[in-house]
């Protein structure tokens, strides 16, 4: 296993489960001896990207900022977990090129399931035309073409999704195999 840093980049629509899975991945990586930092899109937007709106340009800038911070940490041996909608393929690919050790995880879930899960009712409002520029409804979301991992949160438990991600990280040599008890 290498001690070099890497970035696990969770992308998917709002409510798909990116943050939920990311929160469960962090302690697993720590148990396997990795230094870990998490960059959540909502948290970064509050601090590092305060003042940015939701135009395409502002969304791109937000994702570039997350990618830049992830790269700084990664090049210093940190395992970085990023969970952000990151709707545009071009910007995700820019971050992949900058980072190098980049594992894209597509957190896939159909809109109808997301609308059912949505406690705030944002999808229903967006589908009714009451919210403009809502990613996946009135604003585009470009699915990854070749993600390293696809998790389908409408068909898998969080633990099943997590197991797929950890297996890929083991296969790529970023984390040690779990020791059988």
Protein backbone atom coordinates (compact mmCIF):
# COMPACT_ATOMS: atom_id res chain seq x y z
CA UNK A 1 0.00 0.00 0.00
CA UNK A 2 1.15 3.48 -0.83
CA UNK A 3 1.16 6.41 1.57
CA UNK A 4 0.44 8.80 -1.26
CA UNK A 5 -2.68 10.87 -0.95
CA UNK A 6 -5.77 10.42 -3.03
CA UNK A 7 -9.16 12.03 -3.58
CA UNK A 8 -12.47 10.20 -3.44
CA UNK A 9 -14.86 12.48 -5.30
CA UNK A 10 -18.56 11.80 -4.68
CA UNK A 11 -20.80 13.26 -7.37
CA UNK A 12 -24.55 12.95 -7.82
CA UNK A 13 -27.82 14.76 -7.43
CA UNK A 14 -28.95 16.47 -4.25
CA UNK A 15 -30.19 13.92 -1.73
CA UNK A 16 -28.63 10.91 -3.50
CA UNK A 17 -26.53 9.99 -0.43
CA UNK A 18 -23.11 11.50 -1.12
CA UNK A 19 -22.61 12.98 2.35
CA UNK A 20 -24.11 9.97 4.13
CA UNK A 21 -21.68 7.56 2.46
CA UNK A 22 -18.76 9.99 2.82
CA UNK A 23 -19.35 10.23 6.59
CA UNK A 24 -19.18 6.44 6.87
CA UNK A 25 -16.06 6.21 4.67
CA UNK A 26 -14.00 8.62 6.79
CA UNK A 27 -13.65 6.44 9.95
CA UNK A 28 -12.95 3.35 7.82
CA UNK A 29 -10.01 5.09 6.18
CA UNK A 30 -8.72 6.26 9.55
CA UNK A 31 -8.94 2.69 10.90
CA UNK A 32 -6.71 1.66 8.02
CA UNK A 33 -4.04 4.18 8.95
CA UNK A 34 -4.87 7.07 6.63
CA UNK A 35 -4.90 10.77 7.41
CA UNK A 36 -8.32 11.93 6.21
CA UNK A 37 -10.01 15.25 5.48
CA UNK A 38 -13.56 15.70 4.23
CA UNK A 39 -14.71 18.54 2.00
CA UNK A 40 -18.50 18.69 1.85
CA UNK A 41 -20.00 20.88 -0.84
CA UNK A 42 -22.48 22.58 1.49
CA UNK A 43 -19.82 23.32 4.12
CA UNK A 44 -17.31 24.63 1.56
CA UNK A 45 -19.98 26.84 0.02
CA UNK A 46 -20.61 28.42 3.45
CA UNK A 47 -16.93 29.17 4.13
CA UNK A 48 -14.58 29.01 1.14
CA UNK A 49 -17.12 29.90 -1.54
CA UNK A 50 -19.27 32.37 0.35
CA UNK A 51 -20.69 34.93 -2.04
CA UNK A 52 -20.91 32.58 -5.00
CA UNK A 53 -24.35 32.07 -6.49
CA UNK A 54 -25.74 29.22 -8.55
CA UNK A 55 -24.95 30.35 -12.09
CA UNK A 56 -22.93 27.89 -14.16
CA UNK A 57 -19.84 30.06 -13.67
CA UNK A 58 -20.27 30.20 -9.89
CA UNK A 59 -20.95 26.46 -9.65
CA UNK A 60 -17.82 25.79 -11.71
CA UNK A 61 -15.76 28.10 -9.49
CA UNK A 62 -17.04 26.40 -6.34
CA UNK A 63 -16.05 22.95 -7.65
CA UNK A 64 -12.65 24.26 -8.79
CA UNK A 65 -12.03 25.62 -5.27
CA UNK A 66 -12.94 22.28 -3.70
CA UNK A 67 -10.63 20.56 -6.19
CA UNK A 68 -7.75 22.93 -5.45
CA UNK A 69 -7.99 22.41 -1.68
CA UNK A 70 -8.33 18.64 -2.22
CA UNK A 71 -5.18 18.70 -4.36
CA UNK A 72 -3.19 20.59 -1.71
CA UNK A 73 -4.15 18.02 0.91
CA UNK A 74 -3.71 15.03 -1.41
CA UNK A 75 -0.20 15.99 -2.46
CA UNK A 76 0.71 15.98 1.24
CA UNK A 77 -0.38 12.39 1.72
CA UNK A 78 -3.94 12.98 2.89
CA UNK A 79 -6.92 10.89 1.81
CA UNK A 80 -9.49 13.51 0.82
CA UNK A 81 -13.20 12.82 0.62
CA UNK A 82 -15.15 15.34 -1.45
CA UNK A 83 -18.92 15.24 -1.61
CA UNK A 84 -20.41 17.85 -3.91
CA UNK A 85 -23.07 17.68 -6.59
CA UNK A 86 -20.45 18.89 -9.11
CA UNK A 87 -22.90 18.87 -12.02
CA UNK A 88 -20.53 19.53 -14.91
CA UNK A 89 -18.27 16.81 -16.29
CA UNK A 90 -15.67 19.27 -17.61
CA UNK A 91 -14.88 20.67 -14.15
CA UNK A 92 -14.77 17.20 -12.56
CA UNK A 93 -12.34 16.21 -15.31
CA UNK A 94 -10.22 19.32 -14.63
CA UNK A 95 -9.99 18.29 -10.98
CA UNK A 96 -9.12 14.71 -11.99
CA UNK A 97 -6.28 16.02 -14.17
CA UNK A 98 -4.95 18.30 -11.41
CA UNK A 99 -5.11 15.66 -8.66
CA UNK A 100 -4.08 12.53 -10.57
CA UNK A 101 -4.98 10.10 -7.77
CA UNK A 102 -8.72 10.68 -8.22
CA UNK A 103 -11.43 8.13 -7.61
CA UNK A 104 -14.79 9.29 -8.93
CA UNK A 105 -17.82 7.78 -7.20
CA UNK A 106 -21.11 8.35 -8.97
CA UNK A 107 -23.90 8.27 -6.39
CA UNK A 108 -26.79 7.43 -8.66
CA UNK A 109 -30.46 7.70 -7.73
CA UNK A 110 -33.54 8.39 -9.89
CA UNK A 111 -35.33 11.74 -9.52
CA UNK A 112 -38.63 10.12 -8.46
CA UNK A 113 -36.88 8.42 -5.51
CA UNK A 114 -35.07 11.64 -4.60
CA UNK A 115 -38.38 13.52 -4.62
CA UNK A 116 -39.88 10.89 -2.28
CA UNK A 117 -36.89 11.14 0.12
CA UNK A 118 -36.78 14.94 0.07
CA UNK A 119 -37.96 16.13 3.50
CA UNK A 120 -37.59 19.80 2.49
CA UNK A 121 -39.80 19.36 -0.58
CA UNK A 122 -37.24 21.00 -2.88
CA UNK A 123 -37.66 18.48 -5.72
CA UNK A 124 -41.45 18.86 -5.71
CA UNK A 125 -41.05 22.64 -5.87
CA UNK A 126 -38.44 22.39 -8.63
CA UNK A 127 -40.56 19.93 -10.63
CA UNK A 128 -43.49 22.34 -10.27
CA UNK A 129 -41.33 25.18 -11.64
CA UNK A 130 -41.18 27.02 -8.32
CA UNK A 131 -37.37 26.77 -8.00
CA UNK A 132 -35.22 27.88 -10.92
CA UNK A 133 -31.81 26.39 -11.77
CA UNK A 134 -32.32 23.22 -9.72
CA UNK A 135 -29.69 20.65 -10.70
CA UNK A 136 -31.20 17.61 -12.37
CA UNK A 137 -34.57 19.28 -12.92
CA UNK A 138 -34.24 22.73 -14.52
CA UNK A 139 -30.44 22.79 -14.64
CA UNK A 140 -28.23 20.05 -16.11
CA UNK A 141 -26.44 17.27 -14.30
CA UNK A 142 -23.89 15.51 -16.50
CA UNK A 143 -23.44 11.92 -15.38
CA UNK A 144 -19.84 10.70 -15.23
CA UNK A 145 -18.81 8.70 -18.30
CA UNK A 146 -16.23 6.44 -16.62
CA UNK A 147 -16.45 6.69 -12.84
CA UNK A 148 -14.29 4.27 -10.88
CA UNK A 149 -17.34 3.31 -8.79
CA UNK A 150 -21.10 3.59 -9.30
CA UNK A 151 -23.32 3.19 -6.26
CA UNK A 152 -27.08 3.03 -6.71
CA UNK A 153 -28.61 4.25 -3.49
CA UNK A 154 -32.14 3.29 -4.48
CA UNK A 155 -31.00 -0.36 -4.80
CA UNK A 156 -28.17 -0.71 -2.27
CA UNK A 157 -27.81 -0.12 1.44
CA UNK A 158 -25.25 2.42 2.61
CA UNK A 159 -23.03 -0.46 3.75
CA UNK A 160 -23.25 -2.17 0.34
CA UNK A 161 -22.28 1.09 -1.39
CA UNK A 162 -19.46 1.62 1.08
CA UNK A 163 -18.15 -1.91 0.48
CA UNK A 164 -17.92 -1.24 -3.27
CA UNK A 165 -15.91 1.93 -2.68
CA UNK A 166 -13.54 0.32 -0.17
CA UNK A 167 -13.00 -2.67 -2.49
CA UNK A 168 -11.99 -0.28 -5.29
CA UNK A 169 -9.61 1.62 -2.97
CA UNK A 170 -8.03 -1.71 -1.94
CA UNK A 171 -7.78 -2.82 -5.57
CA UNK A 172 -6.06 0.44 -6.51
CA UNK A 173 -3.64 0.12 -3.58
CA UNK A 174 -4.78 3.21 -1.66
CA UNK A 175 -5.80 1.32 1.47
CA UNK A 176 -4.71 -1.93 3.08
CA UNK A 177 -6.95 -4.96 2.91
CA UNK A 178 -9.03 -5.40 6.05
CA UNK A 179 -7.53 -7.92 8.46
CA UNK A 180 -9.88 -10.87 9.03
CA UNK A 181 -10.88 -11.20 12.68
